Amino acid sequence: TRQKATELGLSLEDTTLQVLSRLPLRISVKMLESAATAQTEGADPNL
């Protein structure tokens, strides 16, 4: 999950990465991709 976040240009907080680590990888990756889109639109990817 941390590696995928880095690949997408996301710099996520440890608490966010811990939340993602409790989820299935496929779901986590979808959430990371949505977060990358949110970041490009000016939103906080952690939120």
ModelCIF file with pLDDT and N, C-alpha, C, O atoms, coordinates in Angstrom:
data_MODEL
#
_entry.id   MODEL 
#
_entity.id                         1 
_entity.type                       polymer 
_entity.pdbx_number_of_molecules   1 
#
_entity_poly.entity_id                      1 
_entity_poly.type                           'polypeptide(L)' 
_entity_poly.nstd_linkage                   no 
_entity_poly.nstd_monomer                   no 
_entity_poly.pdbx_seq_one_letter_code       TRQKATELGLSLEDTTLQVLSRLPLRISVKMLESAATAQTEGADPNL 
_entity_poly.pdbx_seq_one_letter_code_can   TRQKATELGLSLEDTTLQVLSRLPLRISVKMLESAATAQTEGADPNL 
_entity_poly.pdbx_strand_id                 A 
#
loop_
_entity_poly_seq.entity_id 
_entity_poly_seq.num 
_entity_poly_seq.mon_id 
_entity_poly_seq.hetero 
1 1  THR n 
1 2  ARG n 
1 3  GLN n 
1 4  LYS n 
1 5  ALA n 
1 6  THR n 
1 7  GLU n 
1 8  LEU n 
1 9  GLY n 
1 10 LEU n 
1 11 SER n 
1 12 LEU n 
1 13 GLU n 
1 14 ASP n 
1 15 THR n 
1 16 THR n 
1 17 LEU n 
1 18 GLN n 
1 19 VAL n 
1 20 LEU n 
1 21 SER n 
1 22 ARG n 
1 23 LEU n 
1 24 PRO n 
1 25 LEU n 
1 26 ARG n 
1 27 ILE n 
1 28 SER n 
1 29 VAL n 
1 30 LYS n 
1 31 MET n 
1 32 LEU n 
1 33 GLU n 
1 34 SER n 
1 35 ALA n 
1 36 ALA n 
1 37 THR n 
1 38 ALA n 
1 39 GLN n 
1 40 THR n 
1 41 GLU n 
1 42 GLY n 
1 43 ALA n 
1 44 ASP n 
1 45 PRO n 
1 46 ASN n 
1 47 LEU n 
#
_struct_asym.id          A 
_struct_asym.entity_id   1 
#
loop_
_ma_qa_metric.id 
_ma_qa_metric.mode 
_ma_qa_metric.name 
_ma_qa_metric.software_group_id 
_ma_qa_metric.type 
1 global pLDDT . pLDDT 
2 local  pLDDT . pLDDT 
#
_ma_qa_metric_global.metric_id      1 
_ma_qa_metric_global.metric_value   86.40 
_ma_qa_metric_global.model_id       1 
_ma_qa_metric_global.ordinal_id     1 
#
loop_
_ma_qa_metric_local.label_asym_id 
_ma_qa_metric_local.label_comp_id 
_ma_qa_metric_local.label_seq_id 
_ma_qa_metric_local.metric_id 
_ma_qa_metric_local.metric_value 
_ma_qa_metric_local.model_id 
_ma_qa_metric_local.ordinal_id 
A THR 1  2 80.00 1 1  
A ARG 2  2 80.00 1 2  
A GLN 3  2 81.00 1 3  
A LYS 4  2 84.00 1 4  
A ALA 5  2 85.00 1 5  
A THR 6  2 84.00 1 6  
A GLU 7  2 84.00 1 7  
A LEU 8  2 85.00 1 8  
A GLY 9  2 88.00 1 9  
A LEU 10 2 87.00 1 10 
A SER 11 2 84.00 1 11 
A LEU 12 2 87.00 1 12 
A GLU 13 2 88.00 1 13 
A ASP 14 2 84.00 1 14 
A THR 15 2 85.00 1 15 
A THR 16 2 87.00 1 16 
A LEU 17 2 85.00 1 17 
A GLN 18 2 83.00 1 18 
A VAL 19 2 85.00 1 19 
A LEU 20 2 85.00 1 20 
A SER 21 2 79.00 1 21 
A ARG 22 2 77.00 1 22 
A LEU 23 2 78.00 1 23 
A PRO 24 2 80.00 1 24 
A LEU 25 2 78.00 1 25 
A ARG 26 2 83.00 1 26 
A ILE 27 2 85.00 1 27 
A SER 28 2 86.00 1 28 
A VAL 29 2 87.00 1 29 
A LYS 30 2 89.00 1 30 
A MET 31 2 91.00 1 31 
A LEU 32 2 92.00 1 32 
A GLU 33 2 92.00 1 33 
A SER 34 2 91.00 1 34 
A ALA 35 2 91.00 1 35 
A ALA 36 2 90.00 1 36 
A THR 37 2 91.00 1 37 
A ALA 38 2 89.00 1 38 
A GLN 39 2 90.00 1 39 
A THR 40 2 90.00 1 40 
A GLU 41 2 92.00 1 41 
A GLY 42 2 91.00 1 42 
A ALA 43 2 90.00 1 43 
A ASP 44 2 92.00 1 44 
A PRO 45 2 92.00 1 45 
A ASN 46 2 91.00 1 46 
A LEU 47 2 93.00 1 47 
#
loop_
_atom_site.group_PDB 
_atom_site.id 
_atom_site.type_symbol 
_atom_site.label_atom_id 
_atom_site.label_alt_id 
_atom_site.label_comp_id 
_atom_site.label_asym_id 
_atom_site.label_entity_id 
_atom_site.label_seq_id 
_atom_site.pdbx_PDB_ins_code 
_atom_site.Cartn_x 
_atom_site.Cartn_y 
_atom_site.Cartn_z 
_atom_site.occupancy 
_atom_site.B_iso_or_equiv 
_atom_site.pdbx_formal_charge 
_atom_site.auth_seq_id 
_atom_site.auth_comp_id 
_atom_site.auth_asym_id 
_atom_site.auth_atom_id 
_atom_site.pdbx_PDB_model_num 
ATOM 1   N N  . THR A 1 1  ? 0.831   -1.195 0.000  1.00 80.00 ? 1  THR A N  1 
ATOM 2   C CA . THR A 1 1  ? 0.000   0.000  0.000  1.00 80.00 ? 1  THR A CA 1 
ATOM 3   C C  . THR A 1 1  ? 0.870   1.252  0.000  1.00 80.00 ? 1  THR A C  1 
ATOM 4   O O  . THR A 1 1  ? 0.615   2.192  -0.752 1.00 80.00 ? 1  THR A O  1 
ATOM 5   N N  . ARG A 1 2  ? 1.892   1.259  0.841  1.00 80.00 ? 2  ARG A N  1 
ATOM 6   C CA . ARG A 1 2  ? 2.801   2.416  0.898  1.00 80.00 ? 2  ARG A CA 1 
ATOM 7   C C  . ARG A 1 2  ? 3.496   2.603  -0.455 1.00 80.00 ? 2  ARG A C  1 
ATOM 8   O O  . ARG A 1 2  ? 3.643   3.732  -0.924 1.00 80.00 ? 2  ARG A O  1 
ATOM 9   N N  . GLN A 1 3  ? 3.917   1.515  -1.074 1.00 81.00 ? 3  GLN A N  1 
ATOM 10  C CA . GLN A 1 3  ? 4.593   1.611  -2.367 1.00 81.00 ? 3  GLN A CA 1 
ATOM 11  C C  . GLN A 1 3  ? 3.640   2.162  -3.424 1.00 81.00 ? 3  GLN A C  1 
ATOM 12  O O  . GLN A 1 3  ? 4.033   3.015  -4.219 1.00 81.00 ? 3  GLN A O  1 
ATOM 13  N N  . LYS A 1 4  ? 2.404   1.693  -3.445 1.00 84.00 ? 4  LYS A N  1 
ATOM 14  C CA . LYS A 1 4  ? 1.433   2.172  -4.432 1.00 84.00 ? 4  LYS A CA 1 
ATOM 15  C C  . LYS A 1 4  ? 1.152   3.655  -4.216 1.00 84.00 ? 4  LYS A C  1 
ATOM 16  O O  . LYS A 1 4  ? 1.015   4.409  -5.179 1.00 84.00 ? 4  LYS A O  1 
ATOM 17  N N  . ALA A 1 5  ? 1.066   4.072  -2.962 1.00 85.00 ? 5  ALA A N  1 
ATOM 18  C CA . ALA A 1 5  ? 0.846   5.492  -2.664 1.00 85.00 ? 5  ALA A CA 1 
ATOM 19  C C  . ALA A 1 5  ? 1.988   6.330  -3.216 1.00 85.00 ? 5  ALA A C  1 
ATOM 20  O O  . ALA A 1 5  ? 1.760   7.393  -3.793 1.00 85.00 ? 5  ALA A O  1 
ATOM 21  N N  . THR A 1 6  ? 3.204   5.859  -3.042 1.00 84.00 ? 6  THR A N  1 
ATOM 22  C CA . THR A 1 6  ? 4.375   6.571  -3.552 1.00 84.00 ? 6  THR A CA 1 
ATOM 23  C C  . THR A 1 6  ? 4.339   6.633  -5.072 1.00 84.00 ? 6  THR A C  1 
ATOM 24  O O  . THR A 1 6  ? 4.636   7.675  -5.657 1.00 84.00 ? 6  THR A O  1 
ATOM 25  N N  . GLU A 1 7  ? 3.978   5.522  -5.719 1.00 84.00 ? 7  GLU A N  1 
ATOM 26  C CA . GLU A 1 7  ? 3.889   5.490  -7.180 1.00 84.00 ? 7  GLU A CA 1 
ATOM 27  C C  . GLU A 1 7  ? 2.878   6.500  -7.704 1.00 84.00 ? 7  GLU A C  1 
ATOM 28  O O  . GLU A 1 7  ? 3.056   7.075  -8.778 1.00 84.00 ? 7  GLU A O  1 
ATOM 29  N N  . LEU A 1 8  ? 1.806   6.708  -6.925 1.00 85.00 ? 8  LEU A N  1 
ATOM 30  C CA . LEU A 1 8  ? 0.761   7.647  -7.341 1.00 85.00 ? 8  LEU A CA 1 
ATOM 31  C C  . LEU A 1 8  ? 1.076   9.090  -6.951 1.00 85.00 ? 8  LEU A C  1 
ATOM 32  O O  . LEU A 1 8  ? 0.291   9.997  -7.228 1.00 85.00 ? 8  LEU A O  1 
ATOM 33  N N  . GLY A 1 9  ? 2.222   9.298  -6.312 1.00 88.00 ? 9  GLY A N  1 
ATOM 34  C CA . GLY A 1 9  ? 2.611   10.651 -5.916 1.00 88.00 ? 9  GLY A CA 1 
ATOM 35  C C  . GLY A 1 9  ? 1.933   11.129 -4.650 1.00 88.00 ? 9  GLY A C  1 
ATOM 36  O O  . GLY A 1 9  ? 1.848   12.332 -4.401 1.00 88.00 ? 9  GLY A O  1 
ATOM 37  N N  . LEU A 1 10 ? 1.449   10.193 -3.849 1.00 87.00 ? 10 LEU A N  1 
ATOM 38  C CA . LEU A 1 10 ? 0.779   10.549 -2.603 1.00 87.00 ? 10 LEU A CA 1 
ATOM 39  C C  . LEU A 1 10 ? 1.758   10.469 -1.438 1.00 87.00 ? 10 LEU A C  1 
ATOM 40  O O  . LEU A 1 10 ? 2.546   9.529  -1.339 1.00 87.00 ? 10 LEU A O  1 
ATOM 41  N N  . SER A 1 11 ? 1.700   11.444 -0.577 1.00 84.00 ? 11 SER A N  1 
ATOM 42  C CA . SER A 1 11 ? 2.486   11.422 0.651  1.00 84.00 ? 11 SER A CA 1 
ATOM 43  C C  . SER A 1 11 ? 1.488   11.345 1.795  1.00 84.00 ? 11 SER A C  1 
ATOM 44  O O  . SER A 1 11 ? 1.026   12.365 2.306  1.00 84.00 ? 11 SER A O  1 
ATOM 45  N N  . LEU A 1 12 ? 1.165   10.113 2.191  1.00 87.00 ? 12 LEU A N  1 
ATOM 46  C CA . LEU A 1 12 ? 0.122   9.905  3.191  1.00 87.00 ? 12 LEU A CA 1 
ATOM 47  C C  . LEU A 1 12 ? 0.705   9.810  4.588  1.00 87.00 ? 12 LEU A C  1 
ATOM 48  O O  . LEU A 1 12 ? 1.851   9.403  4.781  1.00 87.00 ? 12 LEU A O  1 
ATOM 49  N N  . GLU A 1 13 ? -0.110  10.195 5.556  1.00 88.00 ? 13 GLU A N  1 
ATOM 50  C CA . GLU A 1 13 ? 0.279   10.108 6.962  1.00 88.00 ? 13 GLU A CA 1 
ATOM 51  C C  . GLU A 1 13 ? 0.279   8.645  7.393  1.00 88.00 ? 13 GLU A C  1 
ATOM 52  O O  . GLU A 1 13 ? -0.398  7.810  6.795  1.00 88.00 ? 13 GLU A O  1 
ATOM 53  N N  . ASP A 1 14 ? 1.047   8.348  8.437  1.00 84.00 ? 14 ASP A N  1 
ATOM 54  C CA . ASP A 1 14 ? 1.121   6.975  8.942  1.00 84.00 ? 14 ASP A CA 1 
ATOM 55  C C  . ASP A 1 14 ? -0.247  6.458  9.374  1.00 84.00 ? 14 ASP A C  1 
ATOM 56  O O  . ASP A 1 14 ? -0.556  5.286  9.157  1.00 84.00 ? 14 ASP A O  1 
ATOM 57  N N  . THR A 1 15 ? -1.069  7.307  9.981  1.00 85.00 ? 15 THR A N  1 
ATOM 58  C CA . THR A 1 15 ? -2.392  6.850  10.421 1.00 85.00 ? 15 THR A CA 1 
ATOM 59  C C  . THR A 1 15 ? -3.243  6.424  9.233  1.00 85.00 ? 15 THR A C  1 
ATOM 60  O O  . THR A 1 15 ? -3.990  5.450  9.315  1.00 85.00 ? 15 THR A O  1 
ATOM 61  N N  . THR A 1 16 ? -3.129  7.153  8.135  1.00 87.00 ? 16 THR A N  1 
ATOM 62  C CA . THR A 1 16 ? -3.881  6.800  6.928  1.00 87.00 ? 16 THR A CA 1 
ATOM 63  C C  . THR A 1 16 ? -3.395  5.466  6.378  1.00 87.00 ? 16 THR A C  1 
ATOM 64  O O  . THR A 1 16 ? -4.202  4.622  5.991  1.00 87.00 ? 16 THR A O  1 
ATOM 65  N N  . LEU A 1 17 ? -2.074  5.273  6.343  1.00 85.00 ? 17 LEU A N  1 
ATOM 66  C CA . LEU A 1 17 ? -1.521  4.013  5.854  1.00 85.00 ? 17 LEU A CA 1 
ATOM 67  C C  . LEU A 1 17 ? -1.899  2.847  6.764  1.00 85.00 ? 17 LEU A C  1 
ATOM 68  O O  . LEU A 1 17 ? -2.088  1.729  6.283  1.00 85.00 ? 17 LEU A O  1 
ATOM 69  N N  . GLN A 1 18 ? -2.012  3.087  8.060  1.00 83.00 ? 18 GLN A N  1 
ATOM 70  C CA . GLN A 1 18 ? -2.428  2.029  8.977  1.00 83.00 ? 18 GLN A CA 1 
ATOM 71  C C  . GLN A 1 18 ? -3.878  1.627  8.714  1.00 83.00 ? 18 GLN A C  1 
ATOM 72  O O  . GLN A 1 18 ? -4.217  0.444  8.755  1.00 83.00 ? 18 GLN A O  1 
ATOM 73  N N  . VAL A 1 19 ? -4.723  2.608  8.446  1.00 85.00 ? 19 VAL A N  1 
ATOM 74  C CA . VAL A 1 19 ? -6.123  2.304  8.114  1.00 85.00 ? 19 VAL A CA 1 
ATOM 75  C C  . VAL A 1 19 ? -6.170  1.450  6.851  1.00 85.00 ? 19 VAL A C  1 
ATOM 76  O O  . VAL A 1 19 ? -6.898  0.459  6.795  1.00 85.00 ? 19 VAL A O  1 
ATOM 77  N N  . LEU A 1 20 ? -5.398  1.832  5.842  1.00 85.00 ? 20 LEU A N  1 
ATOM 78  C CA . LEU A 1 20 ? -5.376  1.075  4.591  1.00 85.00 ? 20 LEU A CA 1 
ATOM 79  C C  . LEU A 1 20 ? -4.833  -0.337 4.784  1.00 85.00 ? 20 LEU A C  1 
ATOM 80  O O  . LEU A 1 20 ? -5.261  -1.266 4.098  1.00 85.00 ? 20 LEU A O  1 
ATOM 81  N N  . SER A 1 21 ? -3.898  -0.503 5.708  1.00 79.00 ? 21 SER A N  1 
ATOM 82  C CA . SER A 1 21 ? -3.301  -1.827 5.919  1.00 79.00 ? 21 SER A CA 1 
ATOM 83  C C  . SER A 1 21 ? -4.301  -2.830 6.485  1.00 79.00 ? 21 SER A C  1 
ATOM 84  O O  . SER A 1 21 ? -4.091  -4.039 6.380  1.00 79.00 ? 21 SER A O  1 
ATOM 85  N N  . ARG A 1 22 ? -5.386  -2.339 7.083  1.00 77.00 ? 22 ARG A N  1 
ATOM 86  C CA . ARG A 1 22 ? -6.408  -3.235 7.638  1.00 77.00 ? 22 ARG A CA 1 
ATOM 87  C C  . ARG A 1 22 ? -7.434  -3.660 6.592  1.00 77.00 ? 22 ARG A C  1 
ATOM 88  O O  . ARG A 1 22 ? -8.286  -4.508 6.858  1.00 77.00 ? 22 ARG A O  1 
ATOM 89  N N  . LEU A 1 23 ? -7.348  -3.077 5.423  1.00 78.00 ? 23 LEU A N  1 
ATOM 90  C CA . LEU A 1 23 ? -8.324  -3.369 4.364  1.00 78.00 ? 23 LEU A CA 1 
ATOM 91  C C  . LEU A 1 23 ? -7.720  -4.319 3.342  1.00 78.00 ? 23 LEU A C  1 
ATOM 92  O O  . LEU A 1 23 ? -6.498  -4.439 3.252  1.00 78.00 ? 23 LEU A O  1 
ATOM 93  N N  . PRO A 1 24 ? -8.572  -5.000 2.565  1.00 80.00 ? 24 PRO A N  1 
ATOM 94  C CA . PRO A 1 24 ? -8.054  -5.834 1.478  1.00 80.00 ? 24 PRO A CA 1 
ATOM 95  C C  . PRO A 1 24 ? -7.258  -4.979 0.489  1.00 80.00 ? 24 PRO A C  1 
ATOM 96  O O  . PRO A 1 24 ? -7.611  -3.828 0.231  1.00 80.00 ? 24 PRO A O  1 
ATOM 97  N N  . LEU A 1 25 ? -6.194  -5.542 -0.056 1.00 78.00 ? 25 LEU A N  1 
ATOM 98  C CA . LEU A 1 25 ? -5.302  -4.797 -0.943 1.00 78.00 ? 25 LEU A CA 1 
ATOM 99  C C  . LEU A 1 25 ? -6.045  -4.191 -2.129 1.00 78.00 ? 25 LEU A C  1 
ATOM 100 O O  . LEU A 1 25 ? -5.799  -3.041 -2.491 1.00 78.00 ? 25 LEU A O  1 
ATOM 101 N N  . ARG A 1 26 ? -6.943  -4.946 -2.729 1.00 83.00 ? 26 ARG A N  1 
ATOM 102 C CA . ARG A 1 26 ? -7.679  -4.446 -3.892 1.00 83.00 ? 26 ARG A CA 1 
ATOM 103 C C  . ARG A 1 26 ? -8.479  -3.187 -3.530 1.00 83.00 ? 26 ARG A C  1 
ATOM 104 O O  . ARG A 1 26 ? -8.515  -2.230 -4.304 1.00 83.00 ? 26 ARG A O  1 
ATOM 105 N N  . ILE A 1 27 ? -9.114  -3.190 -2.362 1.00 85.00 ? 27 ILE A N  1 
ATOM 106 C CA . ILE A 1 27 ? -9.890  -2.032 -1.903 1.00 85.00 ? 27 ILE A CA 1 
ATOM 107 C C  . ILE A 1 27 ? -8.946  -0.864 -1.614 1.00 85.00 ? 27 ILE A C  1 
ATOM 108 O O  . ILE A 1 27 ? -9.240  0.278  -1.966 1.00 85.00 ? 27 ILE A O  1 
ATOM 109 N N  . SER A 1 28 ? -7.810  -1.156 -0.970 1.00 86.00 ? 28 SER A N  1 
ATOM 110 C CA . SER A 1 28 ? -6.834  -0.112 -0.651 1.00 86.00 ? 28 SER A CA 1 
ATOM 111 C C  . SER A 1 28 ? -6.333  0.584  -1.906 1.00 86.00 ? 28 SER A C  1 
ATOM 112 O O  . SER A 1 28 ? -6.216  1.809  -1.939 1.00 86.00 ? 28 SER A O  1 
ATOM 113 N N  . VAL A 1 29 ? -6.038  -0.199 -2.939 1.00 87.00 ? 29 VAL A N  1 
ATOM 114 C CA . VAL A 1 29 ? -5.524  0.377  -4.182 1.00 87.00 ? 29 VAL A CA 1 
ATOM 115 C C  . VAL A 1 29 ? -6.583  1.267  -4.826 1.00 87.00 ? 29 VAL A C  1 
ATOM 116 O O  . VAL A 1 29 ? -6.256  2.338  -5.338 1.00 87.00 ? 29 VAL A O  1 
ATOM 117 N N  . LYS A 1 30 ? -7.840  0.842  -4.810 1.00 89.00 ? 30 LYS A N  1 
ATOM 118 C CA . LYS A 1 30 ? -8.916  1.677  -5.369 1.00 89.00 ? 30 LYS A CA 1 
ATOM 119 C C  . LYS A 1 30 ? -9.021  2.990  -4.603 1.00 89.00 ? 30 LYS A C  1 
ATOM 120 O O  . LYS A 1 30 ? -9.226  4.051  -5.193 1.00 89.00 ? 30 LYS A O  1 
ATOM 121 N N  . MET A 1 31 ? -8.878  2.907  -3.281 1.00 91.00 ? 31 MET A N  1 
ATOM 122 C CA . MET A 1 31 ? -8.952  4.118  -2.466 1.00 91.00 ? 31 MET A CA 1 
ATOM 123 C C  . MET A 1 31 ? -7.761  5.031  -2.742 1.00 91.00 ? 31 MET A C  1 
ATOM 124 O O  . MET A 1 31 ? -7.907  6.253  -2.762 1.00 91.00 ? 31 MET A O  1 
ATOM 125 N N  . LEU A 1 32 ? -6.596  4.450  -2.952 1.00 92.00 ? 32 LEU A N  1 
ATOM 126 C CA . LEU A 1 32 ? -5.417  5.255  -3.267 1.00 92.00 ? 32 LEU A CA 1 
ATOM 127 C C  . LEU A 1 32 ? -5.586  5.970  -4.611 1.00 92.00 ? 32 LEU A C  1 
ATOM 128 O O  . LEU A 1 32 ? -5.212  7.134  -4.754 1.00 92.00 ? 32 LEU A O  1 
ATOM 129 N N  . GLU A 1 33 ? -6.149  5.267  -5.584 1.00 92.00 ? 33 GLU A N  1 
ATOM 130 C CA . GLU A 1 33 ? -6.375  5.885  -6.890 1.00 92.00 ? 33 GLU A CA 1 
ATOM 131 C C  . GLU A 1 33 ? -7.373  7.030  -6.785 1.00 92.00 ? 33 GLU A C  1 
ATOM 132 O O  . GLU A 1 33 ? -7.208  8.064  -7.433 1.00 92.00 ? 33 GLU A O  1 
ATOM 133 N N  . SER A 1 34 ? -8.409  6.847  -5.969 1.00 91.00 ? 34 SER A N  1 
ATOM 134 C CA . SER A 1 34 ? -9.372  7.929  -5.743 1.00 91.00 ? 34 SER A CA 1 
ATOM 135 C C  . SER A 1 34 ? -8.718  9.097  -5.010 1.00 91.00 ? 34 SER A C  1 
ATOM 136 O O  . SER A 1 34 ? -9.009  10.260 -5.290 1.00 91.00 ? 34 SER A O  1 
ATOM 137 N N  . ALA A 1 35 ? -7.840  8.778  -4.078 1.00 91.00 ? 35 ALA A N  1 
ATOM 138 C CA . ALA A 1 35 ? -7.139  9.827  -3.337 1.00 91.00 ? 35 ALA A CA 1 
ATOM 139 C C  . ALA A 1 35 ? -6.220  10.628 -4.253 1.00 91.00 ? 35 ALA A C  1 
ATOM 140 O O  . ALA A 1 35 ? -6.078  11.840 -4.090 1.00 91.00 ? 35 ALA A O  1 
ATOM 141 N N  . ALA A 1 36 ? -5.595  9.949  -5.218 1.00 90.00 ? 36 ALA A N  1 
ATOM 142 C CA . ALA A 1 36 ? -4.734  10.647 -6.176 1.00 90.00 ? 36 ALA A CA 1 
ATOM 143 C C  . ALA A 1 36 ? -5.560  11.613 -7.016 1.00 90.00 ? 36 ALA A C  1 
ATOM 144 O O  . ALA A 1 36 ? -5.128  12.730 -7.300 1.00 90.00 ? 36 ALA A O  1 
ATOM 145 N N  . THR A 1 37 ? -6.758  11.171 -7.412 1.00 91.00 ? 37 THR A N  1 
ATOM 146 C CA . THR A 1 37 ? -7.650  12.048 -8.165 1.00 91.00 ? 37 THR A CA 1 
ATOM 147 C C  . THR A 1 37 ? -8.064  13.234 -7.306 1.00 91.00 ? 37 THR A C  1 
ATOM 148 O O  . THR A 1 37 ? -8.074  14.373 -7.773 1.00 91.00 ? 37 THR A O  1 
ATOM 149 N N  . ALA A 1 38 ? -8.405  12.966 -6.050 1.00 89.00 ? 38 ALA A N  1 
ATOM 150 C CA . ALA A 1 38 ? -8.793  14.040 -5.138 1.00 89.00 ? 38 ALA A CA 1 
ATOM 151 C C  . ALA A 1 38 ? -7.655  15.037 -4.952 1.00 89.00 ? 38 ALA A C  1 
ATOM 152 O O  . ALA A 1 38 ? -7.882  16.244 -4.881 1.00 89.00 ? 38 ALA A O  1 
ATOM 153 N N  . GLN A 1 39 ? -6.433  14.523 -4.876 1.00 90.00 ? 39 GLN A N  1 
ATOM 154 C CA . GLN A 1 39 ? -5.275  15.394 -4.691 1.00 90.00 ? 39 GLN A CA 1 
ATOM 155 C C  . GLN A 1 39 ? -5.083  16.318 -5.893 1.00 90.00 ? 39 GLN A C  1 
ATOM 156 O O  . GLN A 1 39 ? -4.748  17.491 -5.729 1.00 90.00 ? 39 GLN A O  1 
ATOM 157 N N  . THR A 1 40 ? -5.297  15.787 -7.104 1.00 90.00 ? 40 THR A N  1 
ATOM 158 C CA . THR A 1 40 ? -5.150  16.625 -8.294 1.00 90.00 ? 40 THR A CA 1 
ATOM 159 C C  . THR A 1 40 ? -6.217  17.714 -8.340 1.00 90.00 ? 40 THR A C  1 
ATOM 160 O O  . THR A 1 40 ? -6.039  18.746 -8.987 1.00 90.00 ? 40 THR A O  1 
ATOM 161 N N  . GLU A 1 41 ? -7.329  17.472 -7.645 1.00 92.00 ? 41 GLU A N  1 
ATOM 162 C CA . GLU A 1 41 ? -8.406  18.459 -7.584 1.00 92.00 ? 41 GLU A CA 1 
ATOM 163 C C  . GLU A 1 41 ? -8.250  19.394 -6.388 1.00 92.00 ? 41 GLU A C  1 
ATOM 164 O O  . GLU A 1 41 ? -9.124  20.219 -6.122 1.00 92.00 ? 41 GLU A O  1 
ATOM 165 N N  . GLY A 1 42 ? -7.128  19.261 -5.665 1.00 91.00 ? 42 GLY A N  1 
ATOM 166 C CA . GLY A 1 42 ? -6.850  20.166 -4.557 1.00 91.00 ? 42 GLY A CA 1 
ATOM 167 C C  . GLY A 1 42 ? -7.301  19.688 -3.189 1.00 91.00 ? 42 GLY A C  1 
ATOM 168 O O  . GLY A 1 42 ? -7.155  20.414 -2.207 1.00 91.00 ? 42 GLY A O  1 
ATOM 169 N N  . ALA A 1 43 ? -7.843  18.489 -3.105 1.00 90.00 ? 43 ALA A N  1 
ATOM 170 C CA . ALA A 1 43 ? -8.318  17.964 -1.815 1.00 90.00 ? 43 ALA A CA 1 
ATOM 171 C C  . ALA A 1 43 ? -7.193  17.226 -1.088 1.00 90.00 ? 43 ALA A C  1 
ATOM 172 O O  . ALA A 1 43 ? -6.196  16.832 -1.694 1.00 90.00 ? 43 ALA A O  1 
ATOM 173 N N  . ASP A 1 44 ? -7.370  17.049 0.203  1.00 92.00 ? 44 ASP A N  1 
ATOM 174 C CA . ASP A 1 44 ? -6.392  16.321 1.020  1.00 92.00 ? 44 ASP A CA 1 
ATOM 175 C C  . ASP A 1 44 ? -6.575  14.822 0.781  1.00 92.00 ? 44 ASP A C  1 
ATOM 176 O O  . ASP A 1 44 ? -7.643  14.284 1.073  1.00 92.00 ? 44 ASP A O  1 
ATOM 177 N N  . PRO A 1 45 ? -5.550  14.135 0.254  1.00 92.00 ? 45 PRO A N  1 
ATOM 178 C CA . PRO A 1 45 ? -5.703  12.700 -0.024 1.00 92.00 ? 45 PRO A CA 1 
ATOM 179 C C  . PRO A 1 45 ? -5.913  11.873 1.252  1.00 92.00 ? 45 PRO A C  1 
ATOM 180 O O  . PRO A 1 45 ? -6.561  10.827 1.204  1.00 92.00 ? 45 PRO A O  1 
ATOM 181 N N  . ASN A 1 46 ? -5.374  12.327 2.387  1.00 91.00 ? 46 ASN A N  1 
ATOM 182 C CA . ASN A 1 46 ? -5.584  11.614 3.648  1.00 91.00 ? 46 ASN A CA 1 
ATOM 183 C C  . ASN A 1 46 ? -7.059  11.593 4.014  1.00 91.00 ? 46 ASN A C  1 
ATOM 184 O O  . ASN A 1 46 ? -7.601  10.551 4.384  1.00 91.00 ? 46 ASN A O  1 
ATOM 185 N N  . LEU A 1 47 ? -7.709  12.756 3.909  1.00 93.00 ? 47 LEU A N  1 
ATOM 186 C CA . LEU A 1 47 ? -9.133  12.826 4.227  1.00 93.00 ? 47 LEU A CA 1 
ATOM 187 C C  . LEU A 1 47 ? -9.959  11.993 3.261  1.00 93.00 ? 47 LEU A C  1 
ATOM 188 O O  . LEU A 1 47 ? -11.183 11.938 3.382  1.00 93.00 ? 47 LEU A O  1 
#
